[in-house]
C-alpha atoms as a PDB file:
ATOM      1  CA  MET A   1      81.782 113.610  87.124  1.00  0.00           C
ATOM      2  CA  ILE A   2      80.865 112.389  83.678  1.00  0.00           C
ATOM      3  CA  ASP A   3      78.428 109.430  83.604  1.00  0.00           C
ATOM      4  CA  ASN A   4      79.427 108.561  87.180  1.00  0.00           C
ATOM      5  CA  THR A   5      83.061 108.432  86.076  1.00  0.00           C
ATOM      6  CA  ILE A   6      85.647 109.664  88.580  1.00  0.00           C
ATOM      7  CA  VAL A   7      87.991 112.301  87.164  1.00  0.00           C
ATOM      8  CA  VAL A   8      91.537 112.122  88.513  1.00  0.00           C
ATOM      9  CA  LEU A   9      94.335 114.577  87.845  1.00  0.00           C
ATOM     10  CA  VAL A  10      97.923 113.291  87.963  1.00  0.00           C
ATOM     11  CA  THR A  11     100.754 115.827  87.979  1.00  0.00           C
ATOM     12  CA  GLY A  12     104.397 115.394  86.981  1.00  0.00           C
ATOM     13  CA  VAL A  13     103.805 112.728  84.346  1.00  0.00           C
ATOM     14  CA  GLY A  14     107.167 113.304  82.712  1.00  0.00           C
ATOM     15  CA  ASP A  15     108.821 111.434  85.570  1.00  0.00           C
ATOM     16  CA  THR A  16     108.661 107.824  86.684  1.00  0.00           C
ATOM     17  CA  VAL A  17     106.444 108.442  89.719  1.00  0.00           C
ATOM     18  CA  GLY A  18     103.774 110.267  87.736  1.00  0.00           C
ATOM     19  CA  GLN A  19     103.878 107.588  85.071  1.00  0.00           C
ATOM     20  CA  ALA A  20     103.496 104.841  87.694  1.00  0.00           C
ATOM     21  CA  VAL A  21     100.431 106.604  89.113  1.00  0.00           C
ATOM     22  CA  LEU A  22      98.982 106.879  85.597  1.00  0.00           C
ATOM     23  CA  LYS A  23      99.394 103.121  85.139  1.00  0.00           C
ATOM     24  CA  ALA A  24      97.770 102.468  88.519  1.00  0.00           C
ATOM     25  CA  ALA A  25      94.862 104.702  87.518  1.00  0.00           C
ATOM     26  CA  ARG A  26      94.402 102.730  84.295  1.00  0.00           C
ATOM     27  CA  ALA A  27      94.351  99.525  86.346  1.00  0.00           C
ATOM     28  CA  CYS A  28      91.434 100.702  88.522  1.00  0.00           C
ATOM     29  CA  THR A  29      88.283  98.610  88.397  1.00  0.00           C
ATOM     30  CA  ASP A  30      86.288 101.802  88.986  1.00  0.00           C
ATOM     31  CA  ARG A  31      85.493 104.053  86.030  1.00  0.00           C
ATOM     32  CA  VAL A  32      88.273 106.642  85.898  1.00  0.00           C
ATOM     33  CA  ARG A  33      88.961 109.496  83.498  1.00  0.00           C
ATOM     34  CA  ILE A  34      92.563 110.718  83.659  1.00  0.00           C
ATOM     35  CA  VAL A  35      93.804 114.292  83.345  1.00  0.00           C
ATOM     36  CA  ALA A  36      97.603 114.427  83.159  1.00  0.00           C
ATOM     37  CA  THR A  37      99.756 117.519  83.672  1.00  0.00           C
ATOM     38  CA  ASP A  38     103.406 118.422  83.333  1.00  0.00           C
ATOM     39  CA  ALA A  39     105.548 121.508  82.782  1.00  0.00           C
ATOM     40  CA  ASP A  40     107.116 119.864  79.713  1.00  0.00           C
ATOM     41  CA  PRO A  41     104.719 119.720  76.743  1.00  0.00           C
ATOM     42  CA  GLY A  42     106.692 116.721  75.442  1.00  0.00           C
ATOM     43  CA  ALA A  43     106.350 114.677  78.656  1.00  0.00           C
ATOM     44  CA  VAL A  44     105.694 111.045  77.752  1.00  0.00           C
ATOM     45  CA  GLY A  45     102.875 110.579  80.265  1.00  0.00           C
ATOM     46  CA  LEU A  46     100.769 113.289  78.629  1.00  0.00           C
ATOM     47  CA  ALA A  47     100.125 110.922  75.718  1.00  0.00           C
ATOM     48  CA  TRP A  48      98.757 108.251  78.071  1.00  0.00           C
ATOM     49  CA  ALA A  49      95.898 110.326  79.514  1.00  0.00           C
ATOM     50  CA  ASP A  50      92.404 111.207  78.377  1.00  0.00           C
ATOM     51  CA  VAL A  51      93.216 114.903  78.756  1.00  0.00           C
ATOM     52  CA  ALA A  52      96.731 116.401  78.645  1.00  0.00           C
ATOM     53  CA  VAL A  53      97.541 119.841  80.044  1.00  0.00           C
ATOM     54  CA  THR A  54     100.821 121.734  80.255  1.00  0.00           C
ATOM     55  CA  LEU A  55     101.124 123.669  83.521  1.00  0.00           C
ATOM     56  CA  PRO A  56     103.628 126.356  84.543  1.00  0.00           C
ATOM     57  CA  HIS A  57     106.551 125.110  86.609  1.00  0.00           C
ATOM     58  CA  SER A  58     105.621 124.834  90.281  1.00  0.00           C
ATOM     59  CA  GLY A  59     108.542 127.140  91.079  1.00  0.00           C
ATOM     60  CA  ASP A  60     106.285 129.907  89.760  1.00  0.00           C
ATOM     61  CA  ARG A  61     103.931 129.250  92.647  1.00  0.00           C
ATOM     62  CA  GLU A  62     101.053 131.612  91.913  1.00  0.00           C
ATOM     63  CA  SER A  63     100.915 130.894  88.183  1.00  0.00           C
ATOM     64  CA  TYR A  64     101.084 127.170  88.863  1.00  0.00           C
ATOM     65  CA  LEU A  65      98.284 127.235  91.445  1.00  0.00           C
ATOM     66  CA  ALA A  66      96.087 129.416  89.243  1.00  0.00           C
ATOM     67  CA  ALA A  67      96.528 127.064  86.269  1.00  0.00           C
ATOM     68  CA  LEU A  68      95.941 123.969  88.413  1.00  0.00           C
ATOM     69  CA  THR A  69      92.758 125.478  89.826  1.00  0.00           C
ATOM     70  CA  SER A  70      91.547 126.322  86.329  1.00  0.00           C
ATOM     71  CA  VAL A  71      92.143 122.763  85.076  1.00  0.00           C
ATOM     72  CA  CYS A  72      90.326 121.276  88.061  1.00  0.00           C
ATOM     73  CA  LEU A  73      87.297 123.473  87.408  1.00  0.00           C
ATOM     74  CA  THR A  74      87.297 122.992  83.639  1.00  0.00           C
ATOM     75  CA  GLU A  75      87.635 119.196  83.806  1.00  0.00           C
ATOM     76  CA  ASP A  76      85.438 118.754  86.911  1.00  0.00           C
ATOM     77  CA  VAL A  77      88.270 116.949  88.711  1.00  0.00           C
ATOM     78  CA  ASP A  78      87.412 114.784  91.726  1.00  0.00           C
ATOM     79  CA  LEU A  79      90.894 113.838  92.921  1.00  0.00           C
ATOM     80  CA  VAL A  80      94.309 115.487  92.528  1.00  0.00           C
ATOM     81  CA  PHE A  81      97.470 113.373  92.816  1.00  0.00           C
ATOM     82  CA  PRO A  82     100.616 115.540  93.025  1.00  0.00           C
ATOM     83  CA  THR A  83     103.535 113.214  92.317  1.00  0.00           C
ATOM     84  CA  SER A  84     106.697 115.328  92.196  1.00  0.00           C
ATOM     85  CA  GLU A  85     108.059 116.518  95.536  1.00  0.00           C
ATOM     86  CA  ARG A  86     108.238 120.141  94.422  1.00  0.00           C
ATOM     87  CA  GLU A  87     104.603 120.114  93.407  1.00  0.00           C
ATOM     88  CA  LEU A  88     103.669 118.195  96.534  1.00  0.00           C
ATOM     89  CA  VAL A  89     105.093 120.917  98.780  1.00  0.00           C
ATOM     90  CA  VAL A  90     103.208 123.668  96.930  1.00  0.00           C
ATOM     91  CA  VAL A  91      99.924 121.784  96.655  1.00  0.00           C
ATOM     92  CA  SER A  92      99.972 120.530 100.250  1.00  0.00           C
ATOM     93  CA  ALA A  93     100.347 124.055 101.581  1.00  0.00           C
ATOM     94  CA  GLU A  94      97.291 125.168  99.584  1.00  0.00           C
ATOM     95  CA  ALA A  95      95.263 121.947  99.797  1.00  0.00           C
ATOM     96  CA  GLY A  96      92.419 123.476 101.802  1.00  0.00           C
ATOM     97  CA  ARG A  97      92.008 126.441  99.470  1.00  0.00           C
ATOM     98  CA  LEU A  98      92.282 124.291  96.340  1.00  0.00           C
ATOM     99  CA  SER A  99      89.672 121.881  97.638  1.00  0.00           C
ATOM    100  CA  ASP A 100      87.306 124.696  98.648  1.00  0.00           C
ATOM    101  CA  GLU A 101      87.612 126.417  95.266  1.00  0.00           C
ATOM    102  CA  THR A 102      87.414 123.340  93.034  1.00  0.00           C
ATOM    103  CA  GLY A 103      85.621 120.648  95.022  1.00  0.00           C
ATOM    104  CA  ALA A 104      88.507 118.251  94.328  1.00  0.00           C
ATOM    105  CA  HIS A 105      90.091 116.206  97.083  1.00  0.00           C
ATOM    106  CA  ILE A 106      93.858 116.747  97.237  1.00  0.00           C
ATOM    107  CA  VAL A 107      95.683 113.484  97.955  1.00  0.00           C
ATOM    108  CA  ALA A 108      98.714 114.968  99.694  1.00  0.00           C
ATOM    109  CA  ALA A 109     100.390 114.628 103.073  1.00  0.00           C
ATOM    110  CA  SER A 110     100.177 117.530 105.510  1.00  0.00           C
ATOM    111  CA  THR A 111     102.930 120.140 105.618  1.00  0.00           C
ATOM    112  CA  SER A 112     103.955 118.940 109.085  1.00  0.00           C
ATOM    113  CA  VAL A 113     104.515 115.416 107.729  1.00  0.00           C
ATOM    114  CA  LEU A 114     106.425 116.754 104.731  1.00  0.00           C
ATOM    115  CA  GLU A 115     108.764 118.744 106.984  1.00  0.00           C
ATOM    116  CA  VAL A 116     109.849 115.483 108.606  1.00  0.00           C
ATOM    117  CA  ALA A 117     109.839 113.087 105.674  1.00  0.00           C
ATOM    118  CA  LEU A 118     111.348 115.248 102.930  1.00  0.00           C
ATOM    119  CA  ASP A 119     114.412 116.141 105.007  1.00  0.00           C
ATOM    120  CA  LYS A 120     116.695 113.147 105.565  1.00  0.00           C
ATOM    121  CA  TRP A 121     118.213 114.673 108.719  1.00  0.00           C
ATOM    122  CA  GLU A 122     114.774 115.315 110.190  1.00  0.00           C
ATOM    123  CA  THR A 123     113.733 111.793 109.160  1.00  0.00           C
ATOM    124  CA  CYS A 124     116.573 110.278 111.179  1.00  0.00           C
ATOM    125  CA  ARG A 125     115.757 112.481 114.171  1.00  0.00           C
ATOM    126  CA  PHE A 126     112.076 111.571 113.962  1.00  0.00           C
ATOM    127  CA  LEU A 127     112.796 107.838 113.840  1.00  0.00           C
ATOM    128  CA  ALA A 128     115.119 108.158 116.831  1.00  0.00           C
ATOM    129  CA  ARG A 129     112.551 110.120 118.868  1.00  0.00           C
ATOM    130  CA  GLN A 130     109.906 107.502 118.103  1.00  0.00           C
ATOM    131  CA  GLY A 131     112.144 104.643 119.203  1.00  0.00           C
ATOM    132  CA  LEU A 132     112.216 103.211 115.681  1.00  0.00           C
ATOM    133  CA  ALA A 133     115.265 101.707 113.999  1.00  0.00           C
ATOM    134  CA  HIS A 134     117.290 104.398 112.236  1.00  0.00           C
ATOM    135  CA  PRO A 135     120.721 104.972 110.705  1.00  0.00           C
ATOM    136  CA  ALA A 136     123.400 106.596 112.824  1.00  0.00           C
ATOM    137  CA  HIS A 137     123.676 110.119 111.424  1.00  0.00           C
ATOM    138  CA  ALA A 138     125.467 113.453 111.613  1.00  0.00           C
ATOM    139  CA  ARG A 139     125.614 116.846 109.957  1.00  0.00           C
ATOM    140  CA  PRO A 140     128.959 117.541 108.244  1.00  0.00           C
ATOM    141  CA  GLU A 141     129.062 121.109 109.550  1.00  0.00           C
ATOM    142  CA  HIS A 142     128.985 119.831 113.160  1.00  0.00           C
ATOM    143  CA  PRO A 143     132.396 118.252 113.865  1.00  0.00           C
ATOM    144  CA  GLU A 144     131.348 116.809 117.215  1.00  0.00           C
ATOM    145  CA  GLU A 145     128.504 114.885 115.551  1.00  0.00           C
ATOM    146  CA  VAL A 146     130.826 113.629 112.812  1.00  0.00           C
ATOM    147  CA  ASP A 147     133.464 112.472 115.311  1.00  0.00           C
ATOM    148  CA  ARG A 148     130.809 110.563 117.260  1.00  0.00           C
ATOM    149  CA  LEU A 149     129.446 108.959 114.093  1.00  0.00           C
ATOM    150  CA  VAL A 150     132.902 107.804 112.956  1.00  0.00           C
ATOM    151  CA  ALA A 151     133.664 106.460 116.432  1.00  0.00           C
ATOM    152  CA  ASP A 152     130.371 104.554 116.537  1.00  0.00           C
ATOM    153  CA  VAL A 153     130.209 103.028 113.048  1.00  0.00           C
ATOM    154  CA  GLY A 154     133.474 103.794 111.235  1.00  0.00           C
ATOM    155  CA  TYR A 155     133.729 103.780 107.444  1.00  0.00           C
ATOM    156  CA  PRO A 156     132.249 103.634 104.871  1.00  0.00           C
ATOM    157  CA  LEU A 157     129.719 106.429 105.324  1.00  0.00           C
ATOM    158  CA  LEU A 158     127.053 107.784 103.012  1.00  0.00           C
ATOM    159  CA  VAL A 159     126.644 111.468 102.376  1.00  0.00           C
ATOM    160  CA  LYS A 160     123.289 112.596 100.994  1.00  0.00           C
ATOM    161  CA  PRO A 161     121.532 115.855 100.221  1.00  0.00           C
ATOM    162  CA  ARG A 162     119.077 116.480 103.040  1.00  0.00           C
ATOM    163  CA  ARG A 163     116.417 117.143 100.433  1.00  0.00           C
ATOM    164  CA  GLY A 164     116.297 115.282  97.139  1.00  0.00           C
ATOM    165  CA  THR A 165     114.865 112.243  95.406  1.00  0.00           C
ATOM    166  CA  GLY A 166     116.288 109.009  94.098  1.00  0.00           C
ATOM    167  CA  SER A 167     120.048 108.647  94.461  1.00  0.00           C
ATOM    168  CA  ARG A 168     120.887 112.137  93.235  1.00  0.00           C
ATOM    169  CA  GLY A 169     123.932 113.527  94.996  1.00  0.00           C
ATOM    170  CA  VAL A 170     124.592 110.427  97.121  1.00  0.00           C
ATOM    171  CA  GLN A 171     128.298 109.705  97.708  1.00  0.00           C
ATOM    172  CA  LEU A 172     130.207 106.958  99.482  1.00  0.00           C
ATOM    173  CA  LEU A 173     132.996 108.085 101.822  1.00  0.00           C
ATOM    174  CA  THR A 174     135.528 105.340 102.512  1.00  0.00           C
ATOM    175  CA  THR A 175     138.411 107.156 104.211  1.00  0.00           C
ATOM    176  CA  PRO A 176     139.046 110.137 106.495  1.00  0.00           C
ATOM    177  CA  ALA A 177     140.497 111.886 103.444  1.00  0.00           C
ATOM    178  CA  ASP A 178     137.125 111.603 101.681  1.00  0.00           C
ATOM    179  CA  LEU A 179     135.479 113.162 104.703  1.00  0.00           C
ATOM    180  CA  GLY A 180     138.091 115.888 104.899  1.00  0.00           C
ATOM    181  CA  ALA A 181     137.510 116.785 101.255  1.00  0.00           C
ATOM    182  CA  LEU A 182     133.792 117.148 101.810  1.00  0.00           C
ATOM    183  CA  ARG A 183     132.599 120.729 101.452  1.00  0.00           C
ATOM    184  CA  ALA A 184     129.137 121.210 102.896  1.00  0.00           C
ATOM    185  CA  GLU A 185     126.995 124.264 103.152  1.00  0.00           C
ATOM    186  CA  PRO A 186     125.191 124.339 106.518  1.00  0.00           C
ATOM    187  CA  GLY A 187     121.945 122.396 106.352  1.00  0.00           C
ATOM    188  CA  ALA A 188     122.592 120.938 102.897  1.00  0.00           C
ATOM    189  CA  LEU A 189     123.905 117.436 103.619  1.00  0.00           C
ATOM    190  CA  VAL A 190     123.578 114.563 106.053  1.00  0.00           C
ATOM    191  CA  LEU A 191     126.010 111.761 106.831  1.00  0.00           C
ATOM    192  CA  GLN A 192     124.633 108.281 107.539  1.00  0.00           C
ATOM    193  CA  GLU A 193     126.040 104.875 108.332  1.00  0.00           C
ATOM    194  CA  LEU A 194     126.010 102.439 105.430  1.00  0.00           C
ATOM    195  CA  LEU A 195     123.289  99.924 106.265  1.00  0.00           C
ATOM    196  CA  GLY A 196     123.473  96.243 105.358  1.00  0.00           C
ATOM    197  CA  THR A 197     123.928  95.269 101.739  1.00  0.00           C
ATOM    198  CA  ALA A 198     122.197  96.207  98.493  1.00  0.00           C
ATOM    199  CA  ASP A 199     120.610  92.763  98.156  1.00  0.00           C
ATOM    200  CA  GLU A 200     118.787  93.319 101.461  1.00  0.00           C
ATOM    201  CA  GLU A 201     117.048  96.551 100.437  1.00  0.00           C
ATOM    202  CA  PHE A 202     113.255  96.749 100.537  1.00  0.00           C
ATOM    203  CA  SER A 203     110.449  99.092  99.625  1.00  0.00           C
ATOM    204  CA  ALA A 204     107.227  98.933 101.633  1.00  0.00           C
ATOM    205  CA  ALA A 205     104.041 100.915 101.070  1.00  0.00           C
ATOM    206  CA  THR A 206     101.009 101.607 103.221  1.00  0.00           C
ATOM    207  CA  TRP A 207      97.703 103.409 102.800  1.00  0.00           C
ATOM    208  CA  THR A 208      96.335 105.065 105.946  1.00  0.00           C
ATOM    209  CA  CYS A 209      92.582 105.703 105.879  1.00  0.00           C
ATOM    210  CA  GLN A 210      90.906 108.766 107.356  1.00  0.00           C
ATOM    211  CA  ASP A 211      89.918 106.766 110.448  1.00  0.00           C
ATOM    212  CA  GLY A 212      93.539 105.716 111.032  1.00  0.00           C
ATOM    213  CA  THR A 213      93.173 102.192 109.668  1.00  0.00           C
ATOM    214  CA  ILE A 214      96.360 101.139 107.864  1.00  0.00           C
ATOM    215  CA  ARG A 215      96.084  99.027 104.728  1.00  0.00           C
ATOM    216  CA  GLY A 216      99.204  97.087 103.847  1.00  0.00           C
ATOM    217  CA  PRO A 217     102.086  97.141 103.890  1.00  0.00           C
ATOM    218  CA  VAL A 218     102.908  95.528 100.603  1.00  0.00           C
ATOM    219  CA  SER A 219     106.651  95.135 100.331  1.00  0.00           C
ATOM    220  CA  TYR A 220     109.212  93.966  97.861  1.00  0.00           C
ATOM    221  CA  ARG A 221     112.914  93.288  97.803  1.00  0.00           C
ATOM    222  CA  ARG A 222     114.548  95.770  95.443  1.00  0.00           C
ATOM    223  CA  GLY A 223     116.962  94.545  92.814  1.00  0.00           C
ATOM    224  CA  LEU A 224     119.109  96.433  90.307  1.00  0.00           C
ATOM    225  CA  VAL A 225     118.324  99.834  91.768  1.00  0.00           C
ATOM    226  CA  SER A 226     119.404 102.617  89.412  1.00  0.00           C
ATOM    227  CA  ALA A 227     119.074 106.320  90.277  1.00  0.00           C
ATOM    228  CA  GLY A 228     116.617 105.364  92.984  1.00  0.00           C
ATOM    229  CA  ASP A 229     114.335 103.392  90.660  1.00  0.00           C
ATOM    230  CA  THR A 230     113.669  99.680  91.130  1.00  0.00           C
ATOM    231  CA  ALA A 231     114.406  97.503  88.088  1.00  0.00           C
ATOM    232  CA  VAL A 232     113.483  94.168  89.718  1.00  0.00           C
ATOM    233  CA  ALA A 233     110.915  93.786  92.488  1.00  0.00           C
ATOM    234  CA  ASP A 234     110.310  90.545  94.391  1.00  0.00           C
ATOM    235  CA  VAL A 235     106.791  91.087  95.718  1.00  0.00           C
ATOM    236  CA  ARG A 236     105.800  88.841  98.624  1.00  0.00           C
ATOM    237  CA  PRO A 237     105.311  89.112 102.392  1.00  0.00           C
ATOM    238  CA  HIS A 238     108.391  90.125 104.350  1.00  0.00           C
ATOM    239  CA  PRO A 239     106.986  90.085 107.898  1.00  0.00           C
ATOM    240  CA  ASP A 240     109.844  91.868 109.685  1.00  0.00           C
ATOM    241  CA  VAL A 241     109.963  94.599 107.032  1.00  0.00           C
ATOM    242  CA  ASP A 242     106.173  94.954 107.049  1.00  0.00           C
ATOM    243  CA  VAL A 243     106.012  95.413 110.833  1.00  0.00           C
ATOM    244  CA  GLU A 244     108.662  98.141 110.714  1.00  0.00           C
ATOM    245  CA  ALA A 245     107.007  99.993 107.820  1.00  0.00           C
ATOM    246  CA  ARG A 246     103.628  99.912 109.547  1.00  0.00           C
ATOM    247  CA  GLY A 247     105.220 101.332 112.680  1.00  0.00           C
ATOM    248  CA  VAL A 248     106.754 104.188 110.707  1.00  0.00           C
ATOM    249  CA  ALA A 249     103.452 105.105 109.037  1.00  0.00           C
ATOM    250  CA  ARG A 250     101.593 104.974 112.357  1.00  0.00           C
ATOM    251  CA  ALA A 251     104.174 107.118 114.166  1.00  0.00           C
ATOM    252  CA  LEU A 252     104.265 109.645 111.331  1.00  0.00           C
ATOM    253  CA  GLY A 253     100.505 110.130 111.456  1.00  0.00           C
ATOM    254  CA  ILE A 254     100.299 110.325 107.681  1.00  0.00           C
ATOM    255  CA  LEU A 255      97.042 109.862 105.772  1.00  0.00           C
ATOM    256  CA  GLY A 256      96.959 108.261 102.334  1.00  0.00           C
ATOM    257  CA  PRO A 257     100.064 106.839 100.650  1.00  0.00           C
ATOM    258  CA  CYS A 258     103.396 106.349 102.373  1.00  0.00           C
ATOM    259  CA  ASN A 259     106.447 104.541 101.029  1.00  0.00           C
ATOM    260  CA  VAL A 260     109.297 103.426 103.291  1.00  0.00           C
ATOM    261  CA  GLN A 261     112.770 102.381 102.147  1.00  0.00           C
ATOM    262  CA  LEU A 262     114.575  99.936 104.441  1.00  0.00           C
ATOM    263  CA  ARG A 263     117.565  97.619 104.622  1.00  0.00           C
ATOM    264  CA  ARG A 264     117.847  94.459 106.678  1.00  0.00           C
ATOM    265  CA  THR A 265     120.736  94.588 109.114  1.00  0.00           C
ATOM    266  CA  PRO A 266     121.920  92.417 112.037  1.00  0.00           C
ATOM    267  CA  ARG A 267     119.699  94.571 114.263  1.00  0.00           C
ATOM    268  CA  GLY A 268     116.677  94.075 112.005  1.00  0.00           C
ATOM    269  CA  PRO A 269     115.119  96.201 109.251  1.00  0.00           C
ATOM    270  CA  VAL A 270     116.215  99.838 109.436  1.00  0.00           C
ATOM    271  CA  THR A 271     114.343 102.657 107.687  1.00  0.00           C
ATOM    272  CA  PHE A 272     116.620 105.079 105.884  1.00  0.00           C
ATOM    273  CA  GLU A 273     114.084 107.059 103.843  1.00  0.00           C
ATOM    274  CA  ILE A 274     110.376 107.918 103.968  1.00  0.00           C
ATOM    275  CA  ASN A 275     108.484 109.004 100.858  1.00  0.00           C
ATOM    276  CA  PRO A 276     105.278 110.697 102.088  1.00  0.00           C
ATOM    277  CA  ARG A 277     103.606 110.324  98.707  1.00  0.00           C
ATOM    278  CA  PHE A 278     103.013 107.964  95.842  1.00  0.00           C
ATOM    279  CA  SER A 279     106.227 106.346  94.662  1.00  0.00           C
ATOM    280  CA  GLY A 280     107.559 104.844  91.466  1.00  0.00           C
ATOM    281  CA  GLY A 281     106.445 101.393  92.601  1.00  0.00           C
ATOM    282  CA  ALA A 282     102.750 102.360  92.534  1.00  0.00           C
ATOM    283  CA  SER A 283     102.145 100.541  89.249  1.00  0.00           C
ATOM    284  CA  ILE A 284     103.938  97.393  90.447  1.00  0.00           C
ATOM    285  CA  ARG A 285     101.901  97.323  93.646  1.00  0.00           C
ATOM    286  CA  ALA A 286      98.685  97.869  91.678  1.00  0.00           C
ATOM    287  CA  HIS A 287      99.406  94.798  89.566  1.00  0.00           C
ATOM    288  CA  PHE A 288      99.779  92.682  92.697  1.00  0.00           C
ATOM    289  CA  GLY A 289      96.538  93.941  94.260  1.00  0.00           C
ATOM    290  CA  PHE A 290      97.560  97.071  96.184  1.00  0.00           C
ATOM    291  CA  ASN A 291      96.247  99.943  94.067  1.00  0.00           C
ATOM    292  CA  GLU A 292      96.642 103.224  95.964  1.00  0.00           C
ATOM    293  CA  VAL A 293      94.812 105.194  93.272  1.00  0.00           C
ATOM    294  CA  GLU A 294      91.800 102.922  93.637  1.00  0.00           C
ATOM    295  CA  MET A 295      91.977 103.283  97.413  1.00  0.00           C
ATOM    296  CA  ALA A 296      91.819 107.064  97.018  1.00  0.00           C
ATOM    297  CA  VAL A 297      88.879 106.757  94.619  1.00  0.00           C
ATOM    298  CA  THR A 298      87.036 104.443  97.018  1.00  0.00           C
ATOM    299  CA  GLU A 299      87.594 106.589 100.094  1.00  0.00           C
ATOM    300  CA  HIS A 300      87.500 110.148  98.793  1.00  0.00           C
ATOM    301  CA  ALA A 301      85.352 110.017  95.652  1.00  0.00           C
ATOM    302  CA  ARG A 302      82.929 107.163  96.355  1.00  0.00           C
ATOM    303  CA  GLY A 303      82.790 107.733 100.115  1.00  0.00           C
ATOM    304  CA  GLY A 304      83.210 104.084 100.989  1.00  0.00           C
ATOM    305  CA  PRO A 305      85.595 102.259 103.331  1.00  0.00           C
ATOM    306  CA  VAL A 306      88.807 100.928 101.830  1.00  0.00           C
ATOM    307  CA  PRO A 307      88.622  97.113 101.974  1.00  0.00           C
ATOM    308  CA  PRO A 308      91.669  95.032 102.872  1.00  0.00           C
ATOM    309  CA  PRO A 309      93.541  94.388  99.626  1.00  0.00           C
ATOM    310  CA  SER A 310      93.743  90.922  98.142  1.00  0.00           C
ATOM    311  CA  LEU A 311      97.446  90.548  97.415  1.00  0.00           C
ATOM    312  CA  SER A 312      99.278  88.193  95.085  1.00  0.00           C
ATOM    313  CA  THR A 313     102.996  87.512  94.851  1.00  0.00           C
ATOM    314  CA  GLY A 314     105.495  87.481  92.037  1.00  0.00           C
ATOM    315  CA  THR A 315     108.316  89.367  90.363  1.00  0.00           C
ATOM    316  CA  ALA A 316     108.261  92.554  88.337  1.00  0.00           C
ATOM    317  CA  ARG A 317     111.014  93.510  85.905  1.00  0.00           C
ATOM    318  CA  ARG A 318     111.293  96.949  84.349  1.00  0.00           C
ATOM    319  CA  PHE A 319     112.768  97.692  80.948  1.00  0.00           C
ATOM    320  CA  TRP A 320     113.328 100.601  78.602  1.00  0.00           C
ATOM    321  CA  ALA A 321     110.750 101.574  75.988  1.00  0.00           C
ATOM    322  CA  GLU A 322     110.449 104.419  73.506  1.00  0.00           C
ATOM    323  CA  GLN A 323     107.729 106.764  72.379  1.00  0.00           C
ATOM    324  CA  TYR A 324     108.024 108.271  68.929  1.00  0.00           C
ATOM    325  CA  VAL A 325     106.562 111.495  67.632  1.00  0.00           C
ATOM    326  CA  ASP A 326     106.838 111.521  63.846  1.00  0.00           C
ATOM    327  CA  GLU A 327     106.964 114.800  62.000  1.00  0.00           C
ATOM    328  CA  VAL A 328     104.861 115.187  58.885  1.00  0.00           C
ATOM    329  CA  ALA A 329     107.052 115.665  55.842  1.00  0.00           C
ATOM    330  CA  THR A 330     106.516 118.935  54.012  1.00  0.00           C
ATOM    331  CA  SER A 331     107.360 119.610  50.405  1.00  0.00           C
END
């Protein structure tokens, strides 16, 4: 620490999640110094930090971990926030070793939680086992499952990559011909019923403390969702959604941040996706009094209990902005 300042390292700042975590870190009332990392030296978020570092791609596991360890030691990092799912998987698996070698606390879900929450098929199975509301689902390579799904819910159906973020690869199947044209490698895709309507979609976030206490949820109705990102968020209590999201976090046994995506249906709110990490709404939630970065600082760097958040209500609207890097003219 420098002058009792907490040093936080945020990875993946070229993407919206990393940038949201950076904004939440800047909104902390505690004294925070930010180290930002990304594989792209031109990542926008690097310019927003106190220290910017380019790391190897996490696909090069050993080089990535070695560089991350070096940065943590050099900058005397207290907390590490992996924000991209690829980095999260790598860092979570090595969290104990990284913490032992650097002294930094790694804010990442356990590998057992990630195995459930990062696979949309396993997510559905988990919700069903726990008696929680879940979409009807099937694997395309199992005809008996598909036949049962079609008989139960009919069309339209959603097909999604089992692993992936945002809305990448999501398709809507409206006829048997669409289903017949689907070509799926075993284990790659999952079919789900189409839940409710887009104007009844919600995002809800919790923070689970080390003693199991759950802070939140804070939830918002999502509007104008594009590529998985929320453009308009109506932040206020949604009691039925909040109860369901809290139940998911408790059943999952996750510590730290958890984000649940749900839609209201005639049978109540139904979870269709769990993000076992910080999400792109972290900055919005921080503005309205639910700052997950500050919760991590309080619990893991200051050693204090996380107080119940004081939440406000309102609407957030996102918009495009640009960052310019001007080249110096040469004669």
